[in-house]
N, C-alpha and C. Protein backbone atom coordinates (compact mmCIF):
# COMPACT_ATOMS: atom_id res chain seq x y z
N MET A 1 4.87 34.41 65.97
CA MET A 1 5.04 34.90 65.32
C MET A 1 3.93 34.81 64.06
N ASN A 2 3.89 35.97 63.25
CA ASN A 2 3.23 36.47 62.31
C ASN A 2 3.05 35.31 61.08
N LYS A 3 2.33 34.85 60.63
CA LYS A 3 2.26 34.26 59.48
C LYS A 3 2.25 34.57 58.27
N LEU A 4 3.00 33.78 57.00
CA LEU A 4 3.28 34.70 56.15
C LEU A 4 2.37 34.17 54.90
N TYR A 5 2.24 35.07 54.21
CA TYR A 5 1.09 35.00 53.49
C TYR A 5 0.81 33.96 52.37
N LYS A 6 2.21 33.31 52.24
CA LYS A 6 2.09 32.00 51.28
C LYS A 6 3.37 31.25 51.61
N ASP A 7 3.72 30.20 51.95
CA ASP A 7 5.26 29.76 52.17
C ASP A 7 5.61 28.55 51.39
N PRO A 8 6.79 28.83 50.70
CA PRO A 8 7.73 30.05 51.29
C PRO A 8 7.55 31.13 50.30
N VAL A 9 7.81 32.26 51.14
CA VAL A 9 8.20 33.48 50.07
C VAL A 9 9.28 33.69 49.48
N ASN A 10 9.52 33.67 48.80
CA ASN A 10 10.65 33.92 47.70
C ASN A 10 11.25 35.86 47.66
N LEU A 11 12.03 36.01 48.12
CA LEU A 11 12.53 37.69 47.61
C LEU A 11 14.08 37.54 47.28
N ILE A 12 14.02 38.39 46.33
CA ILE A 12 15.28 38.59 45.29
C ILE A 12 15.64 39.58 45.43
N VAL A 13 17.08 39.77 46.12
CA VAL A 13 17.45 41.16 46.06
C VAL A 13 18.37 41.45 45.16
N ALA A 14 17.75 42.56 44.20
CA ALA A 14 18.87 42.29 43.22
C ALA A 14 19.71 43.72 42.67
N GLY A 15 20.98 43.74 41.82
CA GLY A 15 21.46 45.30 42.52
C GLY A 15 22.85 44.91 41.10
N VAL A 16 23.73 45.72 41.75
CA VAL A 16 24.99 45.76 40.97
C VAL A 16 26.36 45.75 41.73
N GLY A 17 27.20 44.87 41.82
CA GLY A 17 28.55 44.77 42.68
C GLY A 17 28.90 46.09 43.41
N GLY A 18 28.80 45.99 44.64
CA GLY A 18 29.45 47.31 45.57
C GLY A 18 28.20 48.01 46.29
N GLN A 19 26.60 47.25 46.02
CA GLN A 19 25.64 48.17 46.33
C GLN A 19 24.99 47.70 47.99
N GLY A 20 25.80 46.22 48.25
CA GLY A 20 25.60 46.18 49.29
C GLY A 20 24.36 44.76 49.48
N ASN A 21 24.08 44.08 48.31
CA ASN A 21 22.62 43.20 47.85
C ASN A 21 22.83 41.71 48.81
N VAL A 22 24.40 41.37 49.22
CA VAL A 22 24.96 40.55 50.27
C VAL A 22 24.37 41.04 51.52
N MET A 23 24.68 42.53 52.28
CA MET A 23 24.62 42.75 53.48
C MET A 23 22.79 42.58 53.66
N VAL A 24 21.75 43.18 52.61
CA VAL A 24 20.52 43.30 53.04
C VAL A 24 20.30 41.81 53.14
N SER A 25 20.52 41.10 52.64
CA SER A 25 20.02 39.53 52.63
C SER A 25 20.43 39.31 54.14
N LEU A 26 21.15 39.43 54.31
CA LEU A 26 21.76 38.88 55.40
C LEU A 26 20.99 39.83 57.07
N VAL A 27 20.84 40.80 56.76
CA VAL A 27 20.18 41.46 58.10
C VAL A 27 18.88 41.17 57.65
N VAL A 28 17.63 40.89 56.30
CA VAL A 28 16.63 40.57 56.54
C VAL A 28 16.48 38.70 56.92
N GLY A 29 17.58 38.28 56.30
CA GLY A 29 17.38 36.89 56.78
C GLY A 29 17.60 36.34 58.42
N ASN A 30 18.81 37.23 58.83
CA ASN A 30 18.76 37.06 60.44
C ASN A 30 17.41 37.52 61.35
N ALA A 31 16.56 38.55 60.62
CA ALA A 31 15.59 39.28 61.33
C ALA A 31 14.78 38.27 61.64
N LEU A 32 14.50 37.59 60.59
CA LEU A 32 13.66 36.44 60.34
C LEU A 32 13.78 35.35 60.96
N VAL A 33 14.72 35.13 61.09
CA VAL A 33 15.64 33.97 61.61
C VAL A 33 15.33 34.57 63.16
N GLN A 34 15.49 34.75 63.76
CA GLN A 34 15.23 35.66 65.73
C GLN A 34 13.88 34.91 65.76
N ASP A 35 12.84 35.41 64.54
CA ASP A 35 11.14 34.86 64.86
C ASP A 35 11.16 33.31 64.64
N ARG A 36 12.27 32.70 64.56
CA ARG A 36 12.01 30.85 64.15
C ARG A 36 11.49 30.90 62.69
N TYR A 37 11.71 31.06 62.10
CA TYR A 37 11.53 31.51 60.30
C TYR A 37 12.71 30.31 60.18
N PHE A 38 12.30 29.38 58.94
CA PHE A 38 13.77 28.64 58.45
C PHE A 38 14.06 29.93 56.94
N VAL A 39 15.19 29.93 57.39
CA VAL A 39 15.51 31.42 55.63
C VAL A 39 16.56 30.59 55.42
N THR A 40 17.01 30.65 53.94
CA THR A 40 17.89 29.80 52.98
C THR A 40 18.45 31.21 51.96
N ILE A 41 19.73 31.32 52.05
CA ILE A 41 20.33 32.61 51.33
C ILE A 41 21.37 31.33 50.61
N GLY A 42 21.00 31.91 49.04
CA GLY A 42 21.67 32.21 48.04
C GLY A 42 22.35 32.98 47.37
N GLU A 43 23.29 33.18 46.54
CA GLU A 43 23.79 34.75 45.97
C GLU A 43 24.60 33.97 44.38
N THR A 44 23.98 34.81 43.60
CA THR A 44 24.82 34.63 42.51
C THR A 44 25.70 35.78 41.79
N TYR A 45 26.68 35.83 41.44
CA TYR A 45 27.39 36.75 41.45
C TYR A 45 28.09 37.00 39.59
N GLY A 46 28.02 38.17 39.29
CA GLY A 46 28.18 38.60 37.72
C GLY A 46 29.75 38.89 37.86
N ALA A 47 29.81 40.22 36.97
CA ALA A 47 31.39 40.61 37.12
C ALA A 47 31.22 41.64 38.68
N SER A 48 31.05 41.21 39.95
CA SER A 48 30.68 41.96 41.15
C SER A 48 31.64 43.34 40.69
N GLN A 49 32.85 42.81 41.00
CA GLN A 49 33.92 43.72 41.60
C GLN A 49 33.75 45.21 40.25
N ARG A 50 33.45 44.76 39.46
CA ARG A 50 33.52 45.69 37.70
C ARG A 50 32.11 45.90 37.71
N GLY A 51 31.53 46.09 38.90
CA GLY A 51 29.50 46.89 38.68
C GLY A 51 29.10 46.09 38.17
N GLY A 52 29.03 44.74 38.10
CA GLY A 52 28.51 43.77 37.60
C GLY A 52 26.95 43.38 38.18
N SER A 53 25.92 42.52 37.74
CA SER A 53 25.08 41.96 38.02
C SER A 53 25.10 41.13 39.56
N VAL A 54 24.67 41.38 40.61
CA VAL A 54 24.64 40.67 41.99
C VAL A 54 23.20 39.90 42.76
N MET A 55 22.81 39.06 42.91
CA MET A 55 21.63 38.63 42.97
C MET A 55 21.59 37.76 44.22
N SER A 56 20.34 38.47 44.99
CA SER A 56 20.56 37.41 46.48
C SER A 56 19.18 36.66 46.30
N HIS A 57 19.11 35.29 46.67
CA HIS A 57 17.70 34.43 46.56
C HIS A 57 17.55 34.55 48.40
N VAL A 58 16.37 34.68 48.48
CA VAL A 58 16.10 34.81 50.55
C VAL A 58 15.17 33.33 49.94
N LYS A 59 14.73 32.66 50.42
CA LYS A 59 13.78 31.55 50.67
C LYS A 59 13.11 31.82 52.11
N VAL A 60 11.92 32.04 52.58
CA VAL A 60 11.33 32.08 54.05
C VAL A 60 10.26 31.02 54.37
N SER A 61 10.43 30.31 55.38
CA SER A 61 9.31 29.28 55.52
C SER A 61 9.02 29.21 56.61
N ALA A 62 8.02 29.01 57.52
CA ALA A 62 7.34 28.76 58.08
C ALA A 62 7.50 26.94 58.84
N VAL A 63 7.91 26.61 58.10
CA VAL A 63 7.59 24.67 58.01
C VAL A 63 9.25 23.90 57.97
N LYS A 64 9.91 24.45 56.82
CA LYS A 64 10.73 23.35 56.72
C LYS A 64 12.05 24.75 55.75
N GLN A 65 13.65 23.81 55.81
CA GLN A 65 14.56 24.77 54.99
C GLN A 65 14.23 23.92 53.30
N TYR A 66 14.16 25.11 52.97
CA TYR A 66 14.04 24.82 51.27
C TYR A 66 15.50 25.03 50.75
N SER A 67 15.61 24.49 49.54
CA SER A 67 17.13 24.58 49.09
C SER A 67 16.86 26.33 48.60
N PRO A 68 18.29 27.07 48.23
CA PRO A 68 18.09 28.00 47.88
C PRO A 68 17.99 28.87 47.11
N LEU A 69 18.12 28.09 45.42
CA LEU A 69 17.70 28.92 44.39
C LEU A 69 16.66 29.09 44.31
N ILE A 70 15.48 30.39 43.87
CA ILE A 70 14.36 30.36 43.29
C ILE A 70 14.07 29.93 41.94
N PRO A 71 13.34 29.48 41.46
CA PRO A 71 13.07 28.51 40.07
C PRO A 71 12.65 29.89 39.24
N GLU A 72 12.18 30.13 38.01
CA GLU A 72 12.32 30.78 37.17
C GLU A 72 10.95 30.96 37.07
N GLY A 73 10.28 32.42 37.54
CA GLY A 73 9.06 32.53 37.21
C GLY A 73 8.23 32.61 38.91
N GLN A 74 8.87 32.42 39.64
CA GLN A 74 8.61 32.21 41.22
C GLN A 74 8.86 32.84 42.17
N GLY A 75 9.07 34.34 41.47
CA GLY A 75 10.17 35.81 42.75
C GLY A 75 8.32 36.00 43.19
N ASP A 76 8.29 36.48 44.34
CA ASP A 76 7.40 37.04 45.59
C ASP A 76 7.77 38.28 45.75
N ILE A 77 8.80 38.49 45.84
CA ILE A 77 9.04 39.89 46.17
C ILE A 77 10.17 39.96 45.40
N ILE A 78 10.69 41.43 45.01
CA ILE A 78 12.05 41.62 44.14
C ILE A 78 12.24 43.27 44.63
N MET A 79 13.72 42.71 45.39
CA MET A 79 13.97 44.37 46.23
C MET A 79 14.62 44.71 44.72
N GLY A 80 14.74 45.79 43.88
CA GLY A 80 15.68 46.18 43.22
C GLY A 80 16.27 47.35 43.70
N MET A 81 17.88 47.62 43.62
CA MET A 81 18.57 48.73 44.05
C MET A 81 19.31 48.91 42.87
N GLU A 82 18.49 48.94 41.82
CA GLU A 82 18.96 49.82 40.81
C GLU A 82 17.78 49.24 39.94
N PRO A 83 17.50 50.18 38.86
CA PRO A 83 16.52 49.91 37.39
C PRO A 83 16.73 48.87 36.81
N VAL A 84 17.73 48.98 36.09
CA VAL A 84 17.89 48.32 35.06
C VAL A 84 17.86 46.66 35.79
N GLU A 85 19.18 46.39 36.55
CA GLU A 85 19.11 45.19 37.02
C GLU A 85 17.62 44.60 37.66
N THR A 86 16.76 45.73 37.83
CA THR A 86 15.29 45.36 38.68
C THR A 86 14.66 44.94 38.08
N MET A 87 14.55 45.19 36.32
CA MET A 87 13.88 44.88 35.23
C MET A 87 14.63 43.11 34.40
N ARG A 88 15.57 43.21 34.45
CA ARG A 88 16.37 42.14 34.32
C ARG A 88 15.85 40.69 35.29
N ILE A 89 16.06 41.13 36.45
CA ILE A 89 15.36 40.33 37.61
C ILE A 89 13.56 39.74 37.02
N LEU A 90 13.07 40.74 36.94
CA LEU A 90 11.50 40.56 36.83
C LEU A 90 11.51 39.99 35.29
N LYS A 91 12.33 39.86 34.23
CA LYS A 91 11.92 38.95 32.78
C LYS A 91 12.02 37.59 33.17
N SER A 92 13.20 37.03 34.41
CA SER A 92 13.07 36.01 34.38
C SER A 92 12.58 35.00 35.75
N TYR A 93 12.06 35.98 36.84
CA TYR A 93 11.57 35.76 37.58
C TYR A 93 10.42 36.20 38.16
N GLY A 94 9.70 37.03 37.22
CA GLY A 94 8.70 37.95 37.69
C GLY A 94 7.30 37.11 37.20
N ASN A 95 6.20 37.42 37.78
CA ASN A 95 5.11 36.69 37.79
C ASN A 95 3.82 37.93 37.30
N GLY A 96 2.53 37.83 37.71
CA GLY A 96 1.38 38.34 37.87
C GLY A 96 1.05 38.67 38.94
N ASP A 97 2.02 37.80 40.02
CA ASP A 97 1.62 38.57 41.61
C ASP A 97 2.86 38.63 42.03
N VAL A 98 3.76 39.17 41.31
CA VAL A 98 5.10 39.68 41.91
C VAL A 98 5.24 41.22 43.13
N VAL A 99 5.55 41.25 43.87
CA VAL A 99 5.76 42.86 44.66
C VAL A 99 7.15 42.91 44.17
N THR A 100 6.96 44.54 44.05
CA THR A 100 8.20 45.12 43.41
C THR A 100 8.90 46.26 44.34
N ILE A 101 9.78 46.42 45.10
CA ILE A 101 10.27 47.53 45.21
C ILE A 101 11.61 47.79 45.01
N VAL A 102 11.22 49.18 44.72
CA VAL A 102 12.76 49.39 43.32
C VAL A 102 13.17 50.80 43.73
N ASN A 103 14.48 51.10 43.69
CA ASN A 103 15.19 52.02 44.34
C ASN A 103 15.80 52.81 42.50
N PRO A 104 15.21 53.90 42.13
CA PRO A 104 15.22 54.45 40.81
C PRO A 104 16.51 55.26 40.29
N ARG A 105 17.34 55.29 41.20
CA ARG A 105 18.74 55.76 41.06
C ARG A 105 19.77 54.83 40.25
N PRO A 106 19.71 55.21 38.85
CA PRO A 106 20.66 54.15 38.13
C PRO A 106 21.91 54.76 38.20
N VAL A 107 22.83 52.98 38.06
CA VAL A 107 24.27 52.90 39.09
C VAL A 107 24.93 52.59 37.33
N TYR A 108 24.13 52.26 36.26
CA TYR A 108 24.88 51.96 34.98
C TYR A 108 25.95 50.70 35.22
N PRO A 109 25.43 49.69 35.24
CA PRO A 109 25.82 48.35 35.16
C PRO A 109 27.00 48.12 34.19
N VAL A 110 27.86 47.20 34.30
CA VAL A 110 29.00 47.08 33.43
C VAL A 110 28.57 46.58 31.98
N ASP A 111 27.23 46.13 32.05
CA ASP A 111 26.60 46.25 30.94
C ASP A 111 26.71 47.51 29.63
N PHE A 112 26.19 48.59 30.59
CA PHE A 112 26.26 49.65 29.78
C PHE A 112 27.72 50.20 29.79
N THR A 113 28.41 50.40 30.97
CA THR A 113 30.04 51.17 31.01
C THR A 113 30.88 50.62 29.98
N GLY A 114 30.65 49.34 29.69
CA GLY A 114 31.79 48.15 29.11
C GLY A 114 31.15 48.09 27.41
N SER A 115 30.27 48.43 27.09
CA SER A 115 29.79 47.77 25.96
C SER A 115 29.49 48.91 24.88
N ALA A 116 30.65 49.03 23.58
CA ALA A 116 30.31 49.81 22.99
C ALA A 116 28.77 49.85 22.50
N GLY A 117 28.04 51.23 22.24
CA GLY A 117 26.92 51.57 21.49
C GLY A 117 25.59 51.26 22.58
N ALA A 118 26.00 50.40 23.85
CA ALA A 118 24.95 50.18 24.62
C ALA A 118 24.23 51.58 25.62
N VAL A 119 23.15 52.14 25.35
CA VAL A 119 22.54 52.78 25.78
C VAL A 119 21.30 52.76 27.07
N TYR A 120 21.60 53.39 28.21
CA TYR A 120 20.99 52.74 29.28
C TYR A 120 18.97 53.23 28.98
N PRO A 121 18.17 52.69 29.19
CA PRO A 121 16.96 53.01 29.10
C PRO A 121 16.51 54.41 29.74
N ASP A 122 15.50 55.01 29.08
CA ASP A 122 14.91 56.05 29.56
C ASP A 122 14.57 55.72 31.45
N LEU A 123 14.39 56.39 32.03
CA LEU A 123 14.12 55.85 33.21
C LEU A 123 12.53 56.00 33.53
N ASP A 124 11.64 56.87 33.11
CA ASP A 124 10.52 56.93 33.11
C ASP A 124 9.81 55.96 32.64
N VAL A 125 10.05 55.58 31.50
CA VAL A 125 9.82 54.73 30.74
C VAL A 125 10.18 53.26 31.09
N LEU A 126 11.28 53.16 31.84
CA LEU A 126 11.80 52.26 32.77
C LEU A 126 11.10 51.55 33.58
N LEU A 127 10.53 52.67 33.95
CA LEU A 127 9.74 52.92 35.95
C LEU A 127 8.43 52.48 35.09
N ALA A 128 8.10 52.93 34.14
CA ALA A 128 6.75 52.33 33.97
C ALA A 128 6.56 50.74 33.35
N GLN A 129 7.10 50.50 32.82
CA GLN A 129 7.40 49.22 32.33
C GLN A 129 7.44 47.87 33.63
N ILE A 130 8.32 48.44 34.65
CA ILE A 130 8.32 47.52 35.53
C ILE A 130 7.09 47.94 36.40
N LYS A 131 6.40 48.87 36.36
CA LYS A 131 5.15 48.82 37.14
C LYS A 131 3.92 48.02 36.31
N SER A 132 3.92 47.91 35.22
CA SER A 132 2.98 47.03 34.21
C SER A 132 2.92 45.60 34.44
N ILE A 133 4.08 45.44 34.96
CA ILE A 133 4.17 43.72 35.02
C ILE A 133 4.13 43.31 36.37
N CYS A 134 3.91 44.06 37.32
CA CYS A 134 4.17 43.91 38.66
C CYS A 134 2.58 43.71 39.55
N TYR A 135 2.23 43.01 40.27
CA TYR A 135 0.92 42.85 40.84
C TYR A 135 1.17 44.52 41.88
N LYS A 136 2.17 44.54 42.13
CA LYS A 136 2.44 46.00 43.27
C LYS A 136 3.71 46.67 42.93
N THR A 137 3.96 48.02 43.24
CA THR A 137 5.67 48.22 42.84
C THR A 137 5.81 49.50 43.83
N TYR A 138 6.29 49.67 44.31
CA TYR A 138 6.31 50.24 45.47
C TYR A 138 8.02 51.31 44.81
N ILE A 139 7.88 52.22 44.56
CA ILE A 139 9.50 53.13 44.13
C ILE A 139 9.73 53.79 45.09
N VAL A 140 11.04 53.49 45.74
CA VAL A 140 11.76 54.15 47.14
C VAL A 140 12.97 54.84 46.74
N PRO A 141 12.88 56.04 46.58
CA PRO A 141 14.05 57.20 46.47
C PRO A 141 15.42 56.65 47.25
N ALA A 142 15.25 55.24 47.54
CA ALA A 142 16.79 55.24 48.52
C ALA A 142 17.81 56.21 48.98
N THR A 143 18.77 56.02 47.05
CA THR A 143 19.88 56.45 47.01
C THR A 143 19.52 58.16 47.84
N ALA A 144 18.88 58.73 47.21
CA ALA A 144 18.75 60.09 47.20
C ALA A 144 18.29 60.59 48.68
N GLU A 145 17.60 59.66 49.35
CA GLU A 145 17.24 60.23 51.04
C GLU A 145 18.37 59.46 51.74
N ALA A 146 19.58 58.62 51.07
CA ALA A 146 20.73 58.10 51.99
C ALA A 146 21.45 59.48 52.18
N GLN A 147 21.72 60.04 50.75
CA GLN A 147 22.15 61.66 50.35
C GLN A 147 21.56 62.78 51.05
N LYS A 148 20.56 62.86 51.29
CA LYS A 148 20.60 63.49 52.67
C LYS A 148 20.53 63.64 53.93
N MET A 149 20.87 61.93 54.10
CA MET A 149 21.38 61.81 55.22
C MET A 149 22.88 61.90 55.36
N GLY A 150 23.75 62.13 54.62
CA GLY A 150 25.28 62.00 54.94
C GLY A 150 25.26 61.06 54.39
N ASN A 151 24.86 60.01 53.55
CA ASN A 151 25.42 58.64 53.70
C ASN A 151 25.20 57.79 52.38
N PRO A 152 25.47 58.14 51.40
CA PRO A 152 24.91 57.34 50.32
C PRO A 152 24.95 55.71 50.71
N MET A 153 25.59 55.24 51.04
CA MET A 153 25.95 53.69 51.50
C MET A 153 24.50 53.37 52.49
N MET A 154 23.42 54.56 52.62
CA MET A 154 22.42 54.16 54.18
C MET A 154 21.27 53.24 53.21
N ALA A 155 21.40 53.69 51.63
CA ALA A 155 20.21 52.88 50.69
C ALA A 155 19.80 52.00 50.69
N ASN A 156 20.82 50.79 51.23
CA ASN A 156 20.04 49.91 51.04
C ASN A 156 19.32 49.27 52.82
N MET A 157 19.86 50.08 53.37
CA MET A 157 19.01 49.96 55.09
C MET A 157 17.49 50.79 54.75
N ILE A 158 17.57 51.66 54.05
CA ILE A 158 16.36 52.56 53.44
C ILE A 158 15.48 51.53 53.12
N LEU A 159 15.87 51.07 51.99
CA LEU A 159 15.09 49.93 51.44
C LEU A 159 14.58 48.69 52.22
N ILE A 160 15.17 48.41 53.12
CA ILE A 160 14.80 47.37 54.29
C ILE A 160 13.66 48.21 55.07
N GLY A 161 13.65 49.09 55.23
CA GLY A 161 12.47 49.89 55.89
C GLY A 161 11.53 49.59 55.51
N ALA A 162 11.64 50.08 54.13
CA ALA A 162 10.45 50.02 53.14
C ALA A 162 9.66 48.64 52.99
N LEU A 163 10.69 47.36 53.20
CA LEU A 163 10.08 46.21 52.84
C LEU A 163 9.52 45.88 53.74
N VAL A 164 9.95 46.36 55.32
CA VAL A 164 9.26 46.10 56.76
C VAL A 164 7.89 46.84 56.84
N GLN A 165 7.58 47.77 56.23
CA GLN A 165 6.39 49.14 55.83
C GLN A 165 5.43 48.31 54.96
N THR A 166 6.02 47.55 53.63
CA THR A 166 4.85 47.29 53.12
C THR A 166 3.96 46.15 53.56
N GLY A 167 4.66 44.94 54.70
CA GLY A 167 4.13 44.18 55.23
C GLY A 167 4.38 42.93 54.63
N TRP A 168 4.61 43.08 53.81
CA TRP A 168 5.04 41.56 52.42
C TRP A 168 5.71 40.56 53.39
N LEU A 169 6.57 40.98 54.06
CA LEU A 169 7.03 40.09 54.85
C LEU A 169 6.87 40.12 56.21
N PRO A 170 7.14 39.35 57.03
CA PRO A 170 6.94 40.01 58.59
C PRO A 170 8.35 40.10 59.34
N VAL A 171 8.99 40.74 58.83
CA VAL A 171 10.36 41.36 59.28
C VAL A 171 9.77 42.37 60.46
N ARG A 172 10.48 41.72 61.76
CA ARG A 172 9.73 42.72 63.11
C ARG A 172 10.97 43.96 63.45
N GLN A 173 10.27 45.02 63.97
CA GLN A 173 11.52 46.20 63.89
C GLN A 173 12.67 45.90 64.74
N GLU A 174 11.97 45.21 65.74
CA GLU A 174 12.35 45.06 67.30
C GLU A 174 14.05 43.78 66.83
N ALA A 175 13.37 42.71 65.37
CA ALA A 175 14.44 41.99 65.35
C ALA A 175 15.25 42.46 64.40
N LEU A 176 14.79 43.35 63.81
CA LEU A 176 16.04 44.20 62.75
C LEU A 176 16.97 45.34 63.56
N GLU A 177 16.58 45.21 65.02
CA GLU A 177 17.28 46.51 65.57
C GLU A 177 18.32 45.45 66.29
N LYS A 178 17.85 44.40 66.69
CA LYS A 178 18.86 43.51 67.59
C LYS A 178 19.39 43.16 66.24
N THR A 179 19.36 42.51 65.03
CA THR A 179 20.40 42.27 64.03
C THR A 179 21.55 43.36 64.00
N LEU A 180 20.83 44.84 63.76
CA LEU A 180 21.74 45.87 63.76
C LEU A 180 22.86 45.70 64.75
N HIS A 181 21.97 45.70 65.71
CA HIS A 181 23.44 45.94 67.11
C HIS A 181 24.29 44.67 66.68
N GLU A 182 24.29 43.57 66.44
CA GLU A 182 25.07 42.40 66.39
C GLU A 182 25.93 42.65 65.03
N MET A 183 25.21 43.17 63.94
CA MET A 183 26.40 43.35 62.99
C MET A 183 27.04 44.59 62.57
N PHE A 184 26.42 45.57 63.45
CA PHE A 184 27.10 46.83 62.72
C PHE A 184 27.23 47.62 64.47
N PRO A 185 27.64 47.57 65.20
CA PRO A 185 27.62 47.94 66.67
C PRO A 185 28.27 49.42 66.64
N LYS A 186 29.35 49.32 66.14
CA LYS A 186 29.99 50.74 65.62
C LYS A 186 28.77 52.34 64.83
N ALA A 187 27.84 51.32 64.53
CA ALA A 187 26.87 52.27 63.65
C ALA A 187 25.42 52.11 63.74
N VAL A 188 25.11 51.54 64.58
CA VAL A 188 23.65 50.87 65.12
C VAL A 188 23.02 52.83 64.83
N MET A 189 22.66 53.31 66.03
CA MET A 189 21.99 54.70 65.54
C MET A 189 21.73 55.12 63.76
N GLU A 190 22.70 55.15 63.13
CA GLU A 190 22.76 55.79 61.91
C GLU A 190 21.82 54.81 61.10
N ASN A 191 22.01 53.34 61.27
CA ASN A 191 21.59 52.34 60.28
C ASN A 191 19.91 51.88 60.83
N ILE A 192 19.60 52.38 62.31
CA ILE A 192 18.17 52.37 62.67
C ILE A 192 17.55 53.80 62.17
N GLU A 193 18.33 54.42 61.92
CA GLU A 193 17.96 55.95 61.30
C GLU A 193 17.24 55.76 59.82
N ALA A 194 18.10 55.15 59.21
CA ALA A 194 18.02 55.13 57.65
C ALA A 194 16.58 53.91 57.99
N LEU A 195 16.76 52.73 58.52
CA LEU A 195 15.66 52.25 58.23
C LEU A 195 14.20 52.62 58.81
N ASN A 196 14.12 53.79 59.54
CA ASN A 196 12.91 54.48 59.87
C ASN A 196 12.70 54.70 58.69
N ARG A 197 13.59 55.76 57.85
CA ARG A 197 13.52 56.34 56.99
C ARG A 197 12.88 55.97 55.92
N GLY A 198 12.92 54.73 55.67
CA GLY A 198 12.64 53.85 54.73
C GLY A 198 11.27 53.70 55.01
N ARG A 199 10.64 53.35 56.10
CA ARG A 199 9.48 53.17 56.48
C ARG A 199 8.87 54.70 56.12
N GLU A 200 9.20 55.34 57.13
CA GLU A 200 7.93 56.80 56.58
C GLU A 200 7.81 56.67 55.11
N LEU A 201 9.31 56.35 54.56
CA LEU A 201 8.64 56.88 53.09
C LEU A 201 7.74 56.47 52.44
N LEU A 202 7.03 55.12 52.78
CA LEU A 202 6.06 54.55 52.57
C LEU A 202 4.71 54.61 53.38
N MET A 203 4.82 55.39 54.06
CA MET A 203 3.88 55.65 55.76
C MET A 203 2.84 56.94 54.69
């Protein structure tokens, strides 16, 4: 079992309802449990059925089970499936040491589609702001790559692959593949292909 760089490691998966946040946290969590880590997952939902904010807290420890919710200012890794949601989470949970993986494709959360006068920020400016407040930022065009593969829903699996490749969490490829066989027996190869594509993007 590879060591965590700190204990616990606090991972937050941030996005918009329908993007598959819960699935991401379950896949990563189950893979880590196979290697005997203690994993606690907590979900918070906004208006998820209408494209509202969805956030998954994942605490990973080699020594004990922790309570699920991560205190403000104590995020270690932020996986942002949507840029505005990534910034939203960073404002509450970020710090000088936080590592962020962000998919740069806007989804236009309900805050913008349902509020008169709300304007989505300039994407380049938004990504520059994210970079400026993080220790390390990985911009992973997961949606664009998933579309090339013919299935936009594979974006979340591409992001998991990128997470693996960063090395910030000791998630083994073999454990992930076993998890995918258990969770998606009818779409194993497609998910593994997306996982590998995410890794390739950071090689």
